[in-house]
Every structure is written in C-alpha cells, then in structure tokens.
C-alpha atoms as a PDB file:
ATOM      1  CA  MET A   1      -0.168  -0.352  -0.300  1.00  0.00           C
ATOM      2  CA  LEU A   2       2.844   2.496   0.576  1.00  0.00           C
ATOM      3  CA  SER A   3       4.720   1.444  -2.098  1.00  0.00           C
ATOM      4  CA  ILE A   4       1.301   2.344  -4.015  1.00  0.00           C
ATOM      5  CA  LEU A   5       0.989   5.674  -2.260  1.00  0.00           C
ATOM      6  CA  THR A   6       4.614   6.227  -2.911  1.00  0.00           C
ATOM      7  CA  THR A   7       4.472   5.579  -6.912  1.00  0.00           C
ATOM      8  CA  ILE A   8       0.783   8.097  -6.534  1.00  0.00           C
ATOM      9  CA  ALA A   9       2.953  10.828  -5.104  1.00  0.00           C
ATOM     10  CA  ALA A  10       6.140  10.340  -7.131  1.00  0.00           C
ATOM     11  CA  ILE A  11       3.411  11.366 -10.252  1.00  0.00           C
ATOM     12  CA  ILE A  12       1.662  13.802  -9.021  1.00  0.00           C
ATOM     13  CA  GLY A  13       4.886  15.520  -8.347  1.00  0.00           C
ATOM     14  CA  CYS A  14       5.815  14.757 -12.224  1.00  0.00           C
ATOM     15  CA  LEU A  15       3.050  15.941 -13.480  1.00  0.00           C
ATOM     16  CA  THR A  16       3.192  19.500 -11.662  1.00  0.00           C
ATOM     17  CA  LEU A  17       6.798  20.089 -12.734  1.00  0.00           C
ATOM     18  CA  LEU A  18       5.493  19.403 -16.263  1.00  0.00           C
ATOM     19  CA  ILE A  19       2.739  21.941 -15.926  1.00  0.00           C
ATOM     20  CA  ILE A  20       5.258  24.588 -14.298  1.00  0.00           C
ATOM     21  CA  LEU A  21       7.693  24.516 -16.625  1.00  0.00           C
ATOM     22  CA  LEU A  22       4.949  24.056 -20.153  1.00  0.00           C
ATOM     23  CA  SER A  23       3.588  27.265 -18.375  1.00  0.00           C
ATOM     24  CA  ALA A  24       6.790  29.318 -17.435  1.00  0.00           C
ATOM     25  CA  LEU A  25       7.462  28.321 -21.505  1.00  0.00           C
ATOM     26  CA  SER A  26       3.936  28.903 -23.025  1.00  0.00           C
ATOM     27  CA  PRO A  27       2.980  32.715 -23.967  1.00  0.00           C
ATOM     28  CA  ARG A  28       1.084  34.525 -20.645  1.00  0.00           C
ATOM     29  CA  ARG A  29       0.199  37.700 -22.904  1.00  0.00           C
ATOM     30  CA  LEU A  30      -1.871  37.845 -26.544  1.00  0.00           C
ATOM     31  CA  GLU A  31      -1.417  40.618 -28.674  1.00  0.00           C
ATOM     32  CA  TYR A  32      -2.549  41.103 -32.218  1.00  0.00           C
ATOM     33  CA  THR A  33      -4.454  43.733 -34.236  1.00  0.00           C
ATOM     34  CA  GLU A  34      -6.908  43.512 -37.126  1.00  0.00           C
ATOM     35  CA  THR A  35      -8.038  46.015 -39.888  1.00  0.00           C
ATOM     36  CA  ILE A  36     -11.005  46.888 -42.038  1.00  0.00           C
ATOM     37  CA  THR A  37     -12.224  49.521 -43.937  1.00  0.00           C
ATOM     38  CA  VAL A  38     -16.062  50.553 -43.527  1.00  0.00           C
ATOM     39  CA  ASN A  39     -17.200  52.824 -45.793  1.00  0.00           C
ATOM     40  CA  ALA A  40     -19.296  55.086 -44.459  1.00  0.00           C
ATOM     41  CA  PRO A  41     -18.579  57.945 -42.614  1.00  0.00           C
ATOM     42  CA  VAL A  42     -16.397  58.397 -39.305  1.00  0.00           C
ATOM     43  CA  GLY A  43     -19.091  59.354 -37.290  1.00  0.00           C
ATOM     44  CA  ASP A  44     -21.320  57.079 -37.957  1.00  0.00           C
ATOM     45  CA  VAL A  45     -18.302  54.596 -37.210  1.00  0.00           C
ATOM     46  CA  TYR A  46     -17.942  55.297 -33.863  1.00  0.00           C
ATOM     47  CA  ASP A  47     -21.415  55.403 -33.052  1.00  0.00           C
ATOM     48  CA  ASP A  48     -21.671  52.176 -33.865  1.00  0.00           C
ATOM     49  CA  ILE A  49     -19.482  50.805 -31.228  1.00  0.00           C
ATOM     50  CA  ARG A  50     -20.060  53.136 -28.569  1.00  0.00           C
ATOM     51  CA  PHE A  51     -23.789  51.972 -28.483  1.00  0.00           C
ATOM     52  CA  GLN A  52     -23.762  48.839 -27.094  1.00  0.00           C
ATOM     53  CA  THR A  53     -27.221  48.354 -28.306  1.00  0.00           C
ATOM     54  CA  ARG A  54     -26.030  48.775 -32.204  1.00  0.00           C
ATOM     55  CA  LEU A  55     -22.764  46.609 -31.444  1.00  0.00           C
ATOM     56  CA  MET A  56     -24.403  43.522 -30.061  1.00  0.00           C
ATOM     57  CA  ARG A  57     -26.663  43.820 -33.092  1.00  0.00           C
ATOM     58  CA  TRP A  58     -23.138  43.350 -35.759  1.00  0.00           C
ATOM     59  CA  SER A  59     -21.086  41.447 -32.961  1.00  0.00           C
ATOM     60  CA  ALA A  60     -20.180  37.611 -34.069  1.00  0.00           C
ATOM     61  CA  TRP A  61     -19.839  36.703 -30.166  1.00  0.00           C
ATOM     62  CA  PRO A  62     -23.709  36.011 -28.992  1.00  0.00           C
ATOM     63  CA  LYS A  63     -24.966  34.219 -33.007  1.00  0.00           C
ATOM     64  CA  GLU A  64     -21.562  32.046 -32.341  1.00  0.00           C
ATOM     65  CA  THR A  65     -21.957  31.633 -28.428  1.00  0.00           C
ATOM     66  CA  LYS A  66     -25.815  31.086 -28.672  1.00  0.00           C
ATOM     67  CA  SER A  67     -26.090  33.921 -26.093  1.00  0.00           C
ATOM     68  CA  LYS A  68     -28.364  36.471 -25.698  1.00  0.00           C
ATOM     69  CA  CYS A  69     -27.623  40.281 -24.568  1.00  0.00           C
ATOM     70  CA  ALA A  70     -28.441  42.951 -22.547  1.00  0.00           C
ATOM     71  CA  VAL A  71     -27.223  46.593 -22.069  1.00  0.00           C
ATOM     72  CA  ASP A  72     -26.639  47.933 -18.250  1.00  0.00           C
ATOM     73  CA  THR A  73     -25.861  51.121 -17.780  1.00  0.00           C
ATOM     74  CA  GLY A  74     -25.724  51.185 -14.009  1.00  0.00           C
ATOM     75  CA  HIS A  75     -22.014  51.688 -14.011  1.00  0.00           C
ATOM     76  CA  THR A  76     -22.378  54.839 -16.460  1.00  0.00           C
ATOM     77  CA  ILE A  77     -22.077  58.099 -14.792  1.00  0.00           C
ATOM     78  CA  GLU A  78     -24.361  59.657 -17.505  1.00  0.00           C
ATOM     79  CA  GLY A  79     -26.833  56.558 -17.401  1.00  0.00           C
ATOM     80  CA  GLU A  80     -27.230  56.428 -21.172  1.00  0.00           C
ATOM     81  CA  ASP A  81     -25.794  54.242 -23.494  1.00  0.00           C
ATOM     82  CA  GLY A  82     -22.918  54.653 -25.600  1.00  0.00           C
ATOM     83  CA  THR A  83     -20.867  56.319 -22.048  1.00  0.00           C
ATOM     84  CA  VAL A  84     -18.104  55.370 -20.412  1.00  0.00           C
ATOM     85  CA  GLY A  85     -19.127  52.474 -18.129  1.00  0.00           C
ATOM     86  CA  THR A  86     -21.821  51.265 -20.297  1.00  0.00           C
ATOM     87  CA  ARG A  87     -21.588  47.148 -20.356  1.00  0.00           C
ATOM     88  CA  THR A  88     -22.825  44.866 -22.642  1.00  0.00           C
ATOM     89  CA  VAL A  89     -23.927  41.663 -20.588  1.00  0.00           C
ATOM     90  CA  PHE A  90     -23.613  38.590 -22.004  1.00  0.00           C
ATOM     91  CA  PHE A  91     -26.197  35.772 -20.824  1.00  0.00           C
ATOM     92  CA  SER A  92     -26.818  31.841 -21.509  1.00  0.00           C
ATOM     93  CA  LYS A  93     -29.311  30.163 -20.442  1.00  0.00           C
ATOM     94  CA  GLY A  94     -30.717  33.156 -18.443  1.00  0.00           C
ATOM     95  CA  LYS A  95     -27.599  33.322 -16.330  1.00  0.00           C
ATOM     96  CA  ALA A  96     -24.998  36.528 -17.104  1.00  0.00           C
ATOM     97  CA  MET A  97     -21.742  34.766 -18.097  1.00  0.00           C
ATOM     98  CA  GLY A  98     -19.960  37.828 -18.541  1.00  0.00           C
ATOM     99  CA  PHE A  99     -19.363  41.558 -20.061  1.00  0.00           C
ATOM    100  CA  GLN A 100     -17.522  43.649 -21.650  1.00  0.00           C
ATOM    101  CA  GLU A 101     -17.823  47.468 -20.526  1.00  0.00           C
ATOM    102  CA  ILE A 102     -16.559  50.592 -22.015  1.00  0.00           C
ATOM    103  CA  GLN A 103     -13.256  52.288 -20.065  1.00  0.00           C
ATOM    104  CA  SER A 104     -12.851  55.373 -22.756  1.00  0.00           C
ATOM    105  CA  LEU A 105     -14.158  56.989 -25.613  1.00  0.00           C
ATOM    106  CA  LYS A 106     -12.601  59.969 -27.815  1.00  0.00           C
ATOM    107  CA  PRO A 107     -14.689  61.059 -29.607  1.00  0.00           C
ATOM    108  CA  ASN A 108     -14.543  59.337 -33.279  1.00  0.00           C
ATOM    109  CA  HIS A 109     -11.075  58.276 -32.891  1.00  0.00           C
ATOM    110  CA  SER A 110     -11.453  55.174 -30.236  1.00  0.00           C
ATOM    111  CA  VAL A 111     -13.837  52.874 -28.188  1.00  0.00           C
ATOM    112  CA  THR A 112     -11.337  50.730 -25.499  1.00  0.00           C
ATOM    113  CA  PHE A 113     -13.004  48.057 -23.674  1.00  0.00           C
ATOM    114  CA  THR A 114     -12.395  45.976 -20.843  1.00  0.00           C
ATOM    115  CA  LEU A 115     -13.548  42.807 -20.933  1.00  0.00           C
ATOM    116  CA  GLU A 116     -15.201  40.037 -18.310  1.00  0.00           C
ATOM    117  CA  GLY A 117     -16.113  36.467 -18.563  1.00  0.00           C
ATOM    118  CA  ALA A 118     -16.153  32.508 -18.130  1.00  0.00           C
ATOM    119  CA  GLY A 119     -13.382  30.225 -18.194  1.00  0.00           C
ATOM    120  CA  PRO A 120      -9.970  30.179 -17.162  1.00  0.00           C
ATOM    121  CA  PRO A 121      -9.183  33.675 -15.532  1.00  0.00           C
ATOM    122  CA  HIS A 122      -7.591  36.503 -17.975  1.00  0.00           C
ATOM    123  CA  PHE A 123      -7.617  39.992 -18.589  1.00  0.00           C
ATOM    124  CA  PRO A 124      -8.692  40.911 -21.882  1.00  0.00           C
ATOM    125  CA  THR A 125      -8.349  44.596 -23.463  1.00  0.00           C
ATOM    126  CA  MET A 126     -10.373  45.550 -26.686  1.00  0.00           C
ATOM    127  CA  LEU A 127      -9.094  48.981 -28.410  1.00  0.00           C
ATOM    128  CA  PHE A 128     -11.210  50.419 -31.649  1.00  0.00           C
ATOM    129  CA  LYS A 129      -8.997  52.291 -33.559  1.00  0.00           C
ATOM    130  CA  LEU A 130     -10.635  54.880 -35.944  1.00  0.00           C
ATOM    131  CA  GLU A 131      -9.440  57.059 -38.955  1.00  0.00           C
ATOM    132  CA  GLU A 132     -11.211  58.899 -41.089  1.00  0.00           C
ATOM    133  CA  LEU A 133      -9.946  58.416 -45.068  1.00  0.00           C
ATOM    134  CA  SER A 134     -12.184  60.387 -46.202  1.00  0.00           C
ATOM    135  CA  PRO A 135     -16.072  61.377 -45.445  1.00  0.00           C
ATOM    136  CA  GLU A 136     -17.335  58.434 -46.951  1.00  0.00           C
ATOM    137  CA  GLU A 137     -14.558  55.864 -46.020  1.00  0.00           C
ATOM    138  CA  THR A 138     -13.134  54.393 -42.005  1.00  0.00           C
ATOM    139  CA  LYS A 139     -10.282  52.948 -41.067  1.00  0.00           C
ATOM    140  CA  VAL A 140     -10.825  50.472 -38.564  1.00  0.00           C
ATOM    141  CA  VAL A 141      -8.031  48.783 -36.724  1.00  0.00           C
ATOM    142  CA  LEU A 142      -9.228  46.589 -33.377  1.00  0.00           C
ATOM    143  CA  ALA A 143      -6.427  46.018 -30.907  1.00  0.00           C
ATOM    144  CA  PHE A 144      -6.488  43.109 -28.590  1.00  0.00           C
ATOM    145  CA  THR A 145      -4.568  42.318 -25.530  1.00  0.00           C
ATOM    146  CA  ASN A 146      -5.132  39.646 -22.867  1.00  0.00           C
ATOM    147  CA  ARG A 147      -2.907  38.666 -20.407  1.00  0.00           C
ATOM    148  CA  MET A 148      -3.132  34.784 -19.091  1.00  0.00           C
ATOM    149  CA  PRO A 149      -1.539  34.453 -15.612  1.00  0.00           C
ATOM    150  CA  PRO A 150       0.590  30.991 -15.320  1.00  0.00           C
ATOM    151  CA  PRO A 151      -1.068  28.211 -15.029  1.00  0.00           C
ATOM    152  CA  PHE A 152      -3.974  28.961 -16.958  1.00  0.00           C
ATOM    153  CA  ASN A 153      -2.413  30.455 -19.714  1.00  0.00           C
ATOM    154  CA  LEU A 154      -1.542  26.711 -20.664  1.00  0.00           C
ATOM    155  CA  ILE A 155      -5.544  26.228 -21.486  1.00  0.00           C
ATOM    156  CA  TRP A 156      -5.234  29.484 -23.364  1.00  0.00           C
ATOM    157  CA  ASN A 157      -2.784  28.132 -26.324  1.00  0.00           C
ATOM    158  CA  PHE A 158      -3.022  24.521 -26.247  1.00  0.00           C
ATOM    159  CA  ALA A 159      -7.102  24.529 -25.996  1.00  0.00           C
ATOM    160  CA  GLY A 160      -6.968  26.900 -29.230  1.00  0.00           C
ATOM    161  CA  ILE A 161      -8.904  29.632 -27.252  1.00  0.00           C
ATOM    162  CA  SER A 162      -6.496  32.022 -28.166  1.00  0.00           C
ATOM    163  CA  LYS A 163      -6.576  31.669 -32.301  1.00  0.00           C
ATOM    164  CA  TRP A 164     -10.237  31.039 -32.116  1.00  0.00           C
ATOM    165  CA  THR A 165     -11.257  34.376 -30.195  1.00  0.00           C
ATOM    166  CA  ARG A 166      -8.797  36.141 -33.098  1.00  0.00           C
ATOM    167  CA  LYS A 167     -11.191  34.756 -35.444  1.00  0.00           C
ATOM    168  CA  MET A 168     -14.161  35.890 -33.813  1.00  0.00           C
ATOM    169  CA  HIS A 169     -12.496  39.803 -34.362  1.00  0.00           C
ATOM    170  CA  VAL A 170     -11.927  38.776 -37.629  1.00  0.00           C
ATOM    171  CA  LYS A 171     -15.647  38.345 -38.048  1.00  0.00           C
ATOM    172  CA  ASP A 172     -16.934  41.196 -35.661  1.00  0.00           C
ATOM    173  CA  LEU A 173     -14.986  43.726 -38.289  1.00  0.00           C
ATOM    174  CA  GLN A 174     -16.595  42.020 -40.547  1.00  0.00           C
ATOM    175  CA  GLY A 175     -19.806  42.056 -38.874  1.00  0.00           C
ATOM    176  CA  LEU A 176     -19.342  46.101 -38.747  1.00  0.00           C
ATOM    177  CA  LYS A 177     -18.531  46.727 -41.742  1.00  0.00           C
ATOM    178  CA  ALA A 178     -22.155  44.901 -42.830  1.00  0.00           C
ATOM    179  CA  PHE A 179     -23.881  47.278 -40.184  1.00  0.00           C
ATOM    180  CA  SER A 180     -22.329  50.467 -41.069  1.00  0.00           C
ATOM    181  CA  GLU A 181     -22.980  50.243 -44.697  1.00  0.00           C
ATOM    182  CA  PRO A 182     -25.563  50.298 -46.869  1.00  0.00           C
ATOM    183  CA  PRO A 183     -28.111  48.315 -46.444  1.00  0.00           C
ATOM    184  CA  HIS A 184     -27.146  47.986 -42.895  1.00  0.00           C
ATOM    185  CA  LYS A 185     -27.100  44.622 -41.895  1.00  0.00           C
ATOM    186  CA  ASP A 186     -27.152  42.337 -38.654  1.00  0.00           C
ATOM    187  CA  ALA A 187     -24.931  39.570 -37.640  1.00  0.00           C
ATOM    188  CA  ASP A 188     -27.684  37.702 -39.015  1.00  0.00           C
ATOM    189  CA  GLY A 189     -27.551  38.947 -42.362  1.00  0.00           C
ATOM    190  CA  THR A 190     -30.785  40.393 -41.770  1.00  0.00           C
ATOM    191  CA  VAL A 191     -31.444  43.969 -43.276  1.00  0.00           C
ATOM    192  CA  VAL A 192     -32.038  46.422 -40.466  1.00  0.00           C
ATOM    193  CA  GLY A 193     -31.864  49.844 -42.326  1.00  0.00           C
ATOM    194  CA  ARG A 194     -29.943  52.831 -40.277  1.00  0.00           C
ATOM    195  CA  GLU A 195     -32.915  53.296 -37.835  1.00  0.00           C
ATOM    196  CA  MET A 196     -32.805  49.728 -36.844  1.00  0.00           C
ATOM    197  CA  SER A 197     -36.243  49.199 -37.334  1.00  0.00           C
ATOM    198  CA  VAL A 198     -35.709  45.374 -37.223  1.00  0.00           C
ATOM    199  CA  PRO A 199     -35.950  43.335 -34.346  1.00  0.00           C
ATOM    200  CA  ASN A 200     -32.605  42.546 -32.187  1.00  0.00           C
ATOM    201  CA  PRO A 201     -32.905  38.806 -31.711  1.00  0.00           C
ATOM    202  CA  TYR A 202     -30.177  38.891 -29.738  1.00  0.00           C
ATOM    203  CA  GLU A 203     -31.430  41.151 -27.731  1.00  0.00           C
ATOM    204  CA  ILE A 204     -33.067  41.065 -23.571  1.00  0.00           C
ATOM    205  CA  LYS A 205     -34.011  43.835 -21.038  1.00  0.00           C
ATOM    206  CA  MET A 206     -31.162  43.684 -17.722  1.00  0.00           C
ATOM    207  CA  PRO A 207     -32.805  41.964 -15.227  1.00  0.00           C
ATOM    208  CA  GLU A 208     -34.115  44.354 -12.310  1.00  0.00           C
ATOM    209  CA  VAL A 209     -31.547  44.298  -9.304  1.00  0.00           C
ATOM    210  CA  ALA A 210     -33.393  42.429  -6.858  1.00  0.00           C
END
C-alpha cells in the first residue's frame, strides 16, 4: 500500500513539475491587431461601436456562442448607452456569463473596452481605433491584448482559445462593416436599416437587481 501511495505521489510531483515547466514556456500575453475599411462616415462607425444596442446587432459573439445580450448603464455617470461604464452583459440560459465595458472614449477616434467572462482567468482589453480616410470611408483597427496568468495560460494556448478569439474578432470587424454600410445588415444578415426597425433576436432587457 505504501509503495502505491509513493508511486502516486511521485506521478503527481512529476505532473506538477511538467505543468510548471510548460506554463513557464507558454506565452502569458496575447497581442494582435486586425484592420478593415468601412465605407461609412467615421461618426457613424464610432456610434455603431460605442452604442451597445448597436454593437450587439453586428457582433459575432451572441450568434456564435448562442447567448443573449443586455445593455447595463448602471455603472455610468450619465446613465446612458454609449458612455463610459456602459456594459454589454452576456447571458447563457438566463445566467450572466460575463460582460464587456466601455473604459474610454475619444469621439470619432477610439473606443476602449475591458472584458470579463467565464473560463480560465484572463484580463483582456479591446481597442477600436478609427481613422477617417474620406468623408465616406473609415479605417478601423481592432487591437486586442490579453494577459493570461500561469498555469491558465496553458489552457488558453494549448486548447486553441486564443486562435478562436482572433477568428471571432475578424468576424466582428466584418459584422461592423456590414452593419455600418448600406443597406445595414445585422449578424444574421438581416437588413435592419440605419434606424434599426427590425428587432434584435439577441437582445434582452437587463434583469432587475433584487
């Protein structure tokens, strides 16, 4: 019996050392940028990003993750969508699974988000940088940064989560382009128009806090 316990302890020790070694070798920080050109005025594109009722129409995440979204303005000073502190809260089967929050705004120039979600601990930041190329053309750069503390960085890198996240951000930019340009389509490909007269199938009302 003692020999079996000793063997198990040795195996656990070896696995622990292996995890520590692989974690030390695995990247702890992820950084990349993706770029797209949108045939729309910079002011329209800026508003389509900062207003979360619009963003959740073109974002690829609700559709791909089979989740719903609600706008939470309870953390803002102004109490309005599109201002610093506005959150898009993600729900799965009625349970809040995380959110993204506007951290800073530079009108017609940039929108910065921090994100919090389920899964291995991580600390992501997403920055949309806008450049007016012409009155009807805007360059959008999505800059994403994620810090992944050990040993959870192993999961992010070896499970392919980092690669999947980047693919989702490429889809996000494509969705933004389709939404900002006429005829203005949502993530499902439905033409919603600039006034968004078609209901968003992914939006729900923010639940009341008990």
